[in-house]
């Protein structure tokens, strides 16, 4: 697949006339959740079969949607205190038109890899906080590749923006220029602060502390997508709930499915000969705090509200115990991230972060002896509803940025509430996983 760039420009917010400018702030300081996320662009790709709307119509809708999401069209800077801020200067996001020399079927865009970089604008330290590239294939299909700096928005925020963009293209978007939830300072620490949980060693570490990580190269990794039908999901939930106490509330489908995948990945790694390398296994599960905090964070808030749960067990435990045991560990780890935990984190990050010269934890510790899986669930995001006017996407996937143990849970594009799970492993591990991905043993 060879991709030729046709044009590149900035798309700026199309602001409605008559808006009182005095009511709009000129900049926003990053919040305590933004500061512990990756300072990197997170890429995703949508693909549409023909007929598709014109590029001009998609670009117009993008400018209209940005009128409500001006932080996405801004730029990073620092304020007088040296804190990182987003300037609301409407500089715009990068918008690239391109063409591919092959059909969509010939391109085989089914496995995230560096080959997909050609479907994105240049990602060498871009000034733009969001970048978009529209690539037209020889068959008329259209790839819409989007990347956003993670410090600007989490998955929930971006899903809201993407739906607003598609609605604008269809003429259904009511530009609500009264949306003034731009100030990220809604996460204020308590007075006096209450450090109810240990955050050093979880979200933060000492500035000079080493953190080992897996050095496996992306070229050595492969991602496998398995489709779990409703019948399969029902079997998995029944299997994972067998040991619950009588009248106990059943585990969520998310907990049961993650427990199922966890055990089968561990079994696959052991079958591939990697079992002796690890003493333990741990999950890093991203947790959206919007509904866990009291009062809940408004849906219109744009930014990050994510912390992580870390279910952990010995390798022998996961192998010898039932899937119900794994589900119990996951359920208990997720339950700890309640309103008290999120507010304790806000207090700690506000008062102890600079005082103790800490830095965010960006990776697992002791990864040389622990089999680590990164669990990203996009099940609650309406990504599959992104219709520019020509129909739903025929494909939706993470792009080139993959690492060992990455697991994505995606809503299936069948629209029947089935789930696609994408697992990233080495070639030997993946070969073993393919043989057992639905094993209920």
Protein backbone atom coordinates (compact mmCIF):
# COMPACT_ATOMS: atom_id res chain seq x y z
CA UNK A 1 0.00 0.00 0.00
CA UNK A 2 1.41 3.34 -1.09
CA UNK A 3 -0.30 6.49 0.16
CA UNK A 4 0.08 9.86 -1.52
CA UNK A 5 -0.64 13.07 0.37
CA UNK A 6 -2.87 15.34 -1.71
CA UNK A 7 -3.13 18.31 0.65
CA UNK A 8 -2.54 19.37 4.25
CA UNK A 9 -4.14 22.25 6.12
CA UNK A 10 -5.47 23.42 9.46
CA UNK A 11 -9.17 23.22 10.27
CA UNK A 12 -10.30 25.82 12.79
CA UNK A 13 -13.51 26.14 14.81
CA UNK A 14 -16.38 27.76 12.94
CA UNK A 15 -17.65 30.00 15.70
CA UNK A 16 -21.20 31.23 15.76
CA UNK A 17 -21.43 35.00 15.48
CA UNK A 18 -22.69 36.94 18.47
CA UNK A 19 -21.00 34.76 21.09
CA UNK A 20 -19.86 36.94 24.03
CA UNK A 21 -16.09 36.42 23.94
CA UNK A 22 -15.63 37.63 27.49
CA UNK A 23 -17.28 34.46 28.76
CA UNK A 24 -14.65 32.23 27.18
CA UNK A 25 -11.35 31.58 29.02
CA UNK A 26 -8.13 32.04 27.09
CA UNK A 27 -6.37 28.98 28.50
CA UNK A 28 -6.84 25.89 30.67
CA UNK A 29 -4.41 24.33 33.13
CA UNK A 30 -4.11 20.57 32.81
CA UNK A 31 -5.80 18.72 35.67
CA UNK A 32 -4.35 16.09 38.01
CA UNK A 33 -5.63 13.27 35.79
CA UNK A 34 -4.22 14.78 32.58
CA UNK A 35 -0.74 14.91 34.10
CA UNK A 36 -0.44 11.12 34.60
CA UNK A 37 -1.43 10.15 31.07
CA UNK A 38 0.85 9.59 28.07
CA UNK A 39 2.14 12.74 26.39
CA UNK A 40 1.57 11.04 23.05
CA UNK A 41 -1.01 10.80 20.29
CA UNK A 42 -3.41 7.86 20.55
CA UNK A 43 -4.43 6.70 17.05
CA UNK A 44 -7.64 5.08 15.85
CA UNK A 45 -8.98 4.33 12.38
CA UNK A 46 -12.49 4.19 10.94
CA UNK A 47 -13.10 2.76 7.48
CA UNK A 48 -16.19 3.33 5.33
CA UNK A 49 -17.35 1.58 2.18
CA UNK A 50 -18.81 3.71 -0.62
CA UNK A 51 -20.83 5.75 -1.01
CA UNK A 52 -19.17 8.22 1.33
CA UNK A 53 -19.73 11.97 1.80
CA UNK A 54 -17.47 14.49 0.12
CA UNK A 55 -14.27 15.62 1.84
CA UNK A 56 -15.67 19.17 1.87
CA UNK A 57 -18.76 18.07 3.81
CA UNK A 58 -16.67 16.17 6.36
CA UNK A 59 -14.33 19.16 6.78
CA UNK A 60 -17.23 21.58 7.26
CA UNK A 61 -18.74 19.34 9.94
CA UNK A 62 -15.37 19.14 11.66
CA UNK A 63 -15.10 22.92 11.91
CA UNK A 64 -18.63 23.15 13.28
CA UNK A 65 -17.98 20.47 15.92
CA UNK A 66 -14.79 22.23 17.01
CA UNK A 67 -16.87 25.25 17.98
CA UNK A 68 -17.94 23.25 21.04
CA UNK A 69 -14.57 21.56 21.55
CA UNK A 70 -12.13 24.44 21.18
CA UNK A 71 -9.54 22.83 23.44
CA UNK A 72 -8.92 20.30 20.65
CA UNK A 73 -8.00 23.15 18.30
CA UNK A 74 -5.61 24.78 20.79
CA UNK A 75 -1.93 24.43 21.57
CA UNK A 76 0.19 23.43 24.56
CA UNK A 77 2.06 26.13 26.45
CA UNK A 78 3.11 26.96 30.03
CA UNK A 79 1.76 29.62 32.36
CA UNK A 80 3.66 32.01 34.63
CA UNK A 81 4.00 29.25 37.25
CA UNK A 82 5.56 26.88 34.76
CA UNK A 83 2.46 24.68 34.64
CA UNK A 84 1.39 23.16 31.36
CA UNK A 85 -1.72 24.73 29.85
CA UNK A 86 -3.84 24.49 26.72
CA UNK A 87 -4.11 27.80 24.91
CA UNK A 88 -7.61 28.31 23.50
CA UNK A 89 -6.23 30.14 20.48
CA UNK A 90 -8.21 28.32 17.75
CA UNK A 91 -5.02 27.54 15.81
CA UNK A 92 -6.78 24.44 14.48
CA UNK A 93 -6.11 20.75 14.01
CA UNK A 94 -4.14 19.16 11.18
CA UNK A 95 -6.33 17.90 8.33
CA UNK A 96 -4.74 15.82 5.56
CA UNK A 97 -6.27 14.50 2.34
CA UNK A 98 -4.56 11.46 0.82
CA UNK A 99 -5.09 8.66 -1.69
CA UNK A 100 -4.01 5.01 -1.68
CA UNK A 101 -2.91 3.10 -4.79
CA UNK A 102 -4.92 -0.02 -3.92
CA UNK A 103 -8.38 -1.14 -2.91
CA UNK A 104 -9.38 -1.54 0.71
CA UNK A 105 -9.37 -5.32 0.43
CA UNK A 106 -5.87 -5.29 -1.06
CA UNK A 107 -4.62 -3.06 1.76
CA UNK A 108 -5.57 -5.62 4.46
CA UNK A 109 -5.96 -3.15 7.31
CA UNK A 110 -6.81 -5.78 9.87
CA UNK A 111 -3.76 -5.83 12.12
CA UNK A 112 -2.42 -2.73 13.89
CA UNK A 113 1.18 -2.17 12.82
CA UNK A 114 3.65 0.49 11.80
CA UNK A 115 2.45 0.02 8.22
CA UNK A 116 -0.63 1.99 9.22
CA UNK A 117 1.51 5.08 9.88
CA UNK A 118 0.93 6.08 6.26
CA UNK A 119 -2.77 6.57 7.08
CA UNK A 120 -1.87 9.24 9.66
CA UNK A 121 -0.23 12.66 9.35
CA UNK A 122 3.39 12.90 10.47
CA UNK A 123 3.58 12.15 14.19
CA UNK A 124 7.07 13.53 14.80
CA UNK A 125 6.25 15.89 17.71
CA UNK A 126 3.22 17.54 16.12
CA UNK A 127 2.19 20.97 17.34
CA UNK A 128 -1.44 20.15 16.75
CA UNK A 129 -3.25 18.44 19.63
CA UNK A 130 -5.48 16.50 17.20
CA UNK A 131 -4.68 15.25 13.71
CA UNK A 132 -6.97 13.81 11.06
CA UNK A 133 -6.20 12.13 7.74
CA UNK A 134 -8.77 11.06 5.17
CA UNK A 135 -7.40 8.47 2.75
CA UNK A 136 -9.42 7.49 -0.32
CA UNK A 137 -8.81 3.98 -1.69
CA UNK A 138 -9.05 2.97 -5.34
CA UNK A 139 -12.39 1.26 -4.69
CA UNK A 140 -13.90 4.45 -3.24
CA UNK A 141 -13.63 3.36 0.39
CA UNK A 142 -12.51 6.00 2.87
CA UNK A 143 -10.22 5.63 5.90
CA UNK A 144 -10.63 8.28 8.59
CA UNK A 145 -7.58 8.20 10.86
CA UNK A 146 -7.67 10.29 14.02
CA UNK A 147 -5.04 10.82 16.69
CA UNK A 148 -5.30 12.98 19.81
CA UNK A 149 -2.73 13.80 22.47
CA UNK A 150 -3.87 11.75 25.46
CA UNK A 151 -3.16 14.63 27.88
CA UNK A 152 -5.95 16.60 26.18
CA UNK A 153 -8.74 14.02 26.24
CA UNK A 154 -9.48 10.47 27.31
CA UNK A 155 -11.48 7.95 25.29
CA UNK A 156 -14.84 9.06 26.65
CA UNK A 157 -14.18 12.72 25.78
CA UNK A 158 -13.01 11.85 22.28
CA UNK A 159 -16.01 9.62 21.65
CA UNK A 160 -18.31 12.54 22.48
CA UNK A 161 -16.42 14.81 20.10
CA UNK A 162 -16.42 12.25 17.28
CA UNK A 163 -20.17 11.79 17.56
CA UNK A 164 -20.64 15.57 17.50
CA UNK A 165 -18.49 15.72 14.35
CA UNK A 166 -20.53 13.03 12.58
CA UNK A 167 -23.79 14.69 13.64
CA UNK A 168 -22.60 18.00 12.21
CA UNK A 169 -21.89 16.29 8.88
CA UNK A 170 -25.47 14.98 8.87
CA UNK A 171 -26.98 18.33 9.84
CA UNK A 172 -28.09 17.00 13.24
CA UNK A 173 -25.59 18.85 15.42
CA UNK A 174 -26.95 21.73 17.50
CA UNK A 175 -23.91 23.82 18.25
CA UNK A 176 -24.29 24.46 21.96
CA UNK A 177 -21.95 27.39 22.38
CA UNK A 178 -23.14 27.71 25.95
CA UNK A 179 -21.04 24.65 26.84
CA UNK A 180 -18.68 26.35 29.24
CA UNK A 181 -17.27 23.28 30.97
CA UNK A 182 -13.84 24.13 29.67
CA UNK A 183 -12.25 24.78 33.07
CA UNK A 184 -10.37 21.65 34.15
CA UNK A 185 -10.07 22.94 37.72
CA UNK A 186 -13.30 21.21 38.74
CA UNK A 187 -11.16 18.60 40.53
CA UNK A 188 -10.33 20.67 43.58
CA UNK A 189 -8.60 19.06 46.59
CA UNK A 190 -10.41 18.88 49.91
CA UNK A 191 -9.55 21.20 52.79
CA UNK A 192 -8.02 19.70 54.77
CA UNK A 193 -6.76 16.98 52.39
CA UNK A 194 -7.33 13.34 53.30
CA UNK A 195 -4.80 10.83 51.99
CA UNK A 196 -6.91 7.72 52.52
CA UNK A 197 -4.97 5.44 50.15
CA UNK A 198 -1.39 4.84 49.08
CA UNK A 199 -0.69 6.60 45.79
CA UNK A 200 3.10 6.56 45.83
CA UNK A 201 4.10 3.42 44.00
CA UNK A 202 0.70 3.24 42.28
CA UNK A 203 0.10 6.42 40.27
CA UNK A 204 3.43 8.06 41.21
CA UNK A 205 7.02 7.08 41.91
CA UNK A 206 10.21 8.80 43.05
CA UNK A 207 11.81 10.92 40.36
CA UNK A 208 15.02 8.86 40.26
CA UNK A 209 13.42 5.44 40.66
CA UNK A 210 14.12 2.96 37.88
CA UNK A 211 11.20 1.20 36.26
CA UNK A 212 11.93 -1.85 34.18
CA UNK A 213 9.81 -2.54 31.16
CA UNK A 214 9.41 -5.15 28.45
CA UNK A 215 11.74 -4.36 25.52
CA UNK A 216 9.85 -6.43 22.94
CA UNK A 217 9.79 -4.55 19.64
CA UNK A 218 6.56 -3.81 17.81
CA UNK A 219 7.82 -5.83 14.86
CA UNK A 220 7.82 -8.93 17.06
CA UNK A 221 4.19 -8.50 18.07
CA UNK A 222 0.96 -9.63 16.50
CA UNK A 223 -2.61 -8.69 17.34
CA UNK A 224 -5.41 -11.22 17.12
CA UNK A 225 -9.10 -10.31 17.06
CA UNK A 226 -11.63 -12.80 18.40
CA UNK A 227 -15.37 -12.27 18.13
CA UNK A 228 -17.50 -13.19 21.15
CA UNK A 229 -21.13 -13.72 20.20
CA UNK A 230 -23.94 -13.15 22.68
CA UNK A 231 -24.18 -16.90 23.22
CA UNK A 232 -20.46 -17.13 23.95
CA UNK A 233 -20.64 -14.19 26.36
CA UNK A 234 -23.54 -15.83 28.18
CA UNK A 235 -21.52 -19.04 28.57
CA UNK A 236 -18.52 -17.09 29.86
CA UNK A 237 -20.62 -15.20 32.42
CA UNK A 238 -22.23 -18.41 33.67
CA UNK A 239 -18.83 -20.08 33.93
CA UNK A 240 -17.28 -17.13 35.82
CA UNK A 241 -20.18 -16.84 38.26
CA UNK A 242 -20.44 -20.47 39.38
CA UNK A 243 -18.73 -19.95 42.73
CA UNK A 244 -20.61 -16.83 43.81
CA UNK A 245 -22.49 -17.03 47.09
CA UNK A 246 -26.22 -17.63 46.93
CA UNK A 247 -28.13 -14.43 46.05
CA UNK A 248 -24.84 -12.58 45.49
CA UNK A 249 -24.88 -9.95 42.77
CA UNK A 250 -23.41 -11.48 39.60
CA UNK A 251 -20.20 -10.08 38.21
CA UNK A 252 -20.48 -7.70 35.28
CA UNK A 253 -19.96 -9.02 31.77
CA UNK A 254 -16.78 -6.94 31.60
CA UNK A 255 -15.31 -8.62 34.69
CA UNK A 256 -16.23 -12.11 33.45
CA UNK A 257 -14.82 -11.56 29.96
CA UNK A 258 -11.55 -10.06 31.24
CA UNK A 259 -11.16 -12.99 33.66
CA UNK A 260 -11.72 -15.41 30.77
CA UNK A 261 -9.16 -13.67 28.54
CA UNK A 262 -6.65 -13.37 31.41
CA UNK A 263 -6.63 -17.10 32.15
CA UNK A 264 -6.40 -18.10 28.50
CA UNK A 265 -3.52 -15.70 27.82
CA UNK A 266 -1.65 -17.11 30.84
CA UNK A 267 -2.29 -20.67 29.60
CA UNK A 268 -1.12 -19.71 26.10
CA UNK A 269 2.11 -18.20 27.43
CA UNK A 270 2.82 -21.33 29.47
CA UNK A 271 2.10 -23.54 26.45
CA UNK A 272 4.46 -21.38 24.38
CA UNK A 273 7.27 -22.09 26.86
CA UNK A 274 7.25 -18.70 28.60
CA UNK A 275 5.75 -19.91 31.89
CA UNK A 276 9.07 -20.21 33.74
CA UNK A 277 9.90 -16.61 32.93
CA UNK A 278 7.13 -15.22 35.11
CA UNK A 279 6.31 -15.64 38.80
CA UNK A 280 3.13 -13.56 38.78
CA UNK A 281 0.63 -11.97 36.43
CA UNK A 282 -1.01 -8.56 36.69
CA UNK A 283 -3.63 -6.56 34.83
CA UNK A 284 -3.63 -2.80 34.37
CA UNK A 285 -7.26 -1.86 33.82
CA UNK A 286 -8.16 1.72 32.90
CA UNK A 287 -11.12 2.93 34.96
CA UNK A 288 -13.34 5.86 33.98
CA UNK A 289 -14.09 7.85 37.13
CA UNK A 290 -17.00 9.90 35.78
CA UNK A 291 -19.70 7.73 37.32
CA UNK A 292 -17.62 6.58 40.29
CA UNK A 293 -17.25 10.07 41.74
CA UNK A 294 -19.95 11.84 43.73
CA UNK A 295 -21.34 14.02 42.33
CA UNK A 296 -20.71 12.43 38.91
CA UNK A 297 -18.50 14.31 36.46
CA UNK A 298 -20.70 15.88 33.74
CA UNK A 299 -20.54 14.18 30.37
CA UNK A 300 -19.68 17.50 28.73
CA UNK A 301 -16.37 17.70 30.60
CA UNK A 302 -13.46 17.32 28.18
CA UNK A 303 -10.26 15.92 29.62
CA UNK A 304 -9.03 12.87 31.49
CA UNK A 305 -10.82 11.25 34.44
CA UNK A 306 -9.04 7.89 34.43
CA UNK A 307 -7.13 5.88 37.04
CA UNK A 308 -6.10 2.22 36.97
CA UNK A 309 -6.93 -0.97 38.84
CA UNK A 310 -4.21 -3.61 39.26
CA UNK A 311 -5.59 -7.13 39.86
CA UNK A 312 -2.64 -9.43 40.55
CA UNK A 313 -2.11 -13.13 41.23
CA UNK A 314 0.59 -15.77 41.08
CA UNK A 315 0.91 -17.63 37.82
CA UNK A 316 0.14 -20.94 39.52
CA UNK A 317 -2.98 -19.43 41.11
CA UNK A 318 -4.42 -18.37 37.76
CA UNK A 319 -3.57 -21.75 36.25
CA UNK A 320 -4.90 -23.91 39.07
CA UNK A 321 -7.88 -21.89 40.25
CA UNK A 322 -11.15 -21.46 38.37
CA UNK A 323 -12.19 -18.50 36.23
CA UNK A 324 -14.48 -17.51 39.14
CA UNK A 325 -11.35 -16.95 41.21
CA UNK A 326 -9.89 -14.63 38.55
CA UNK A 327 -13.21 -12.78 38.29
CA UNK A 328 -13.27 -12.26 42.06
CA UNK A 329 -9.79 -10.71 42.03
CA UNK A 330 -10.77 -8.35 39.20
CA UNK A 331 -14.07 -7.40 40.82
CA UNK A 332 -12.39 -6.54 44.13
CA UNK A 333 -9.67 -4.47 42.45
CA UNK A 334 -12.23 -2.45 40.49
CA UNK A 335 -14.44 -1.93 43.57
CA UNK A 336 -11.56 -0.18 45.37
CA UNK A 337 -11.61 2.65 42.83
CA UNK A 338 -14.64 4.39 44.34
CA UNK A 339 -15.39 8.02 45.15
CA UNK A 340 -13.09 7.94 48.20
CA UNK A 341 -10.19 6.63 46.14
CA UNK A 342 -10.55 9.21 43.36
CA UNK A 343 -10.80 12.07 45.85
CA UNK A 344 -7.83 10.76 47.84
CA UNK A 345 -5.88 10.71 44.57
CA UNK A 346 -6.89 14.32 43.83
CA UNK A 347 -5.71 15.40 47.29
CA UNK A 348 -2.42 13.53 46.96
CA UNK A 349 -1.70 14.77 43.44
CA UNK A 350 -2.53 18.35 44.43
CA UNK A 351 -0.44 18.48 47.62
CA UNK A 352 2.26 15.81 47.41
CA UNK A 353 3.17 15.59 43.72
CA UNK A 354 5.50 18.62 43.56
CA UNK A 355 6.39 18.55 47.26
CA UNK A 356 7.99 15.10 47.06
CA UNK A 357 9.44 15.46 43.53
CA UNK A 358 7.40 12.57 42.21
CA UNK A 359 6.75 11.57 38.60
CA UNK A 360 3.85 9.60 37.12
CA UNK A 361 4.16 5.83 36.82
CA UNK A 362 3.93 5.06 33.12
CA UNK A 363 4.58 1.32 33.19
CA UNK A 364 4.40 -1.73 35.42
CA UNK A 365 7.19 -2.30 37.88
CA UNK A 366 9.07 -5.65 38.06
CA UNK A 367 7.86 -6.48 34.53
CA UNK A 368 10.78 -8.88 34.15
CA UNK A 369 9.11 -11.37 36.49
CA UNK A 370 5.44 -10.50 35.96
CA UNK A 371 3.23 -11.26 32.95
CA UNK A 372 1.45 -7.95 32.45
CA UNK A 373 -1.69 -7.25 30.44
CA UNK A 374 -3.00 -3.78 29.67
CA UNK A 375 -6.81 -3.79 29.50
CA UNK A 376 -8.49 -0.96 27.57
CA UNK A 377 -12.25 -1.20 27.31
CA UNK A 378 -14.00 0.89 24.68
CA UNK A 379 -17.32 -0.85 25.26
CA UNK A 380 -19.04 2.19 26.74
CA UNK A 381 -18.02 4.55 23.96
CA UNK A 382 -20.38 5.08 20.99
CA UNK A 383 -17.57 4.89 18.42
CA UNK A 384 -19.55 2.65 16.12
CA UNK A 385 -22.25 5.32 15.82
CA UNK A 386 -19.91 7.61 13.89
CA UNK A 387 -21.90 8.04 10.68
CA UNK A 388 -20.82 10.91 8.41
CA UNK A 389 -23.90 10.49 6.25
CA UNK A 390 -22.99 7.43 4.21
CA UNK A 391 -23.59 4.74 6.80
CA UNK A 392 -21.82 3.14 9.73
CA UNK A 393 -18.11 2.22 9.50
CA UNK A 394 -17.26 -1.21 8.14
CA UNK A 395 -14.16 -1.27 10.31
CA UNK A 396 -13.06 0.39 13.55
CA UNK A 397 -9.75 -0.39 15.18
CA UNK A 398 -6.77 0.90 17.14
CA UNK A 399 -3.96 1.80 14.80
CA UNK A 400 -0.18 1.29 14.90
CA UNK A 401 0.54 1.91 18.60
CA UNK A 402 0.64 -1.54 20.20
CA UNK A 403 2.79 -3.05 22.92
CA UNK A 404 3.16 -6.47 24.58
CA UNK A 405 0.08 -7.61 26.49
CA UNK A 406 -2.24 -4.93 25.11
CA UNK A 407 -5.89 -6.02 25.17
CA UNK A 408 -8.72 -4.00 23.61
CA UNK A 409 -12.39 -4.72 24.23
CA UNK A 410 -14.45 -3.21 21.43
CA UNK A 411 -18.17 -3.15 20.68
CA UNK A 412 -18.75 -5.36 17.65
CA UNK A 413 -19.80 -3.57 14.49
CA UNK A 414 -22.64 -6.05 14.12
CA UNK A 415 -24.57 -3.79 16.53
CA UNK A 416 -26.00 -6.75 18.48
CA UNK A 417 -23.98 -6.10 21.69
CA UNK A 418 -21.48 -8.82 20.89
CA UNK A 419 -17.84 -7.99 21.64
CA UNK A 420 -14.54 -8.08 19.77
CA UNK A 421 -11.39 -8.66 21.81
CA UNK A 422 -7.99 -7.77 20.35
CA UNK A 423 -4.96 -9.32 22.10
CA UNK A 424 -1.31 -8.47 21.39
CA UNK A 425 1.26 -11.21 21.96
CA UNK A 426 4.48 -12.58 20.51
CA UNK A 427 4.21 -14.99 17.57
CA UNK A 428 4.65 -18.13 19.70
CA UNK A 429 2.29 -16.94 22.42
CA UNK A 430 -0.34 -15.92 19.90
CA UNK A 431 -0.18 -19.28 18.14
CA UNK A 432 -1.02 -20.96 21.46
CA UNK A 433 -3.70 -18.39 22.29
CA UNK A 434 -5.51 -18.96 19.00
CA UNK A 435 -5.98 -22.61 19.97
CA UNK A 436 -7.65 -21.79 23.28
CA UNK A 437 -9.14 -18.27 23.15
CA UNK A 438 -12.65 -19.59 23.85
CA UNK A 439 -11.68 -22.47 26.12
CA UNK A 440 -13.96 -22.65 29.17
CA UNK A 441 -11.76 -25.15 31.01
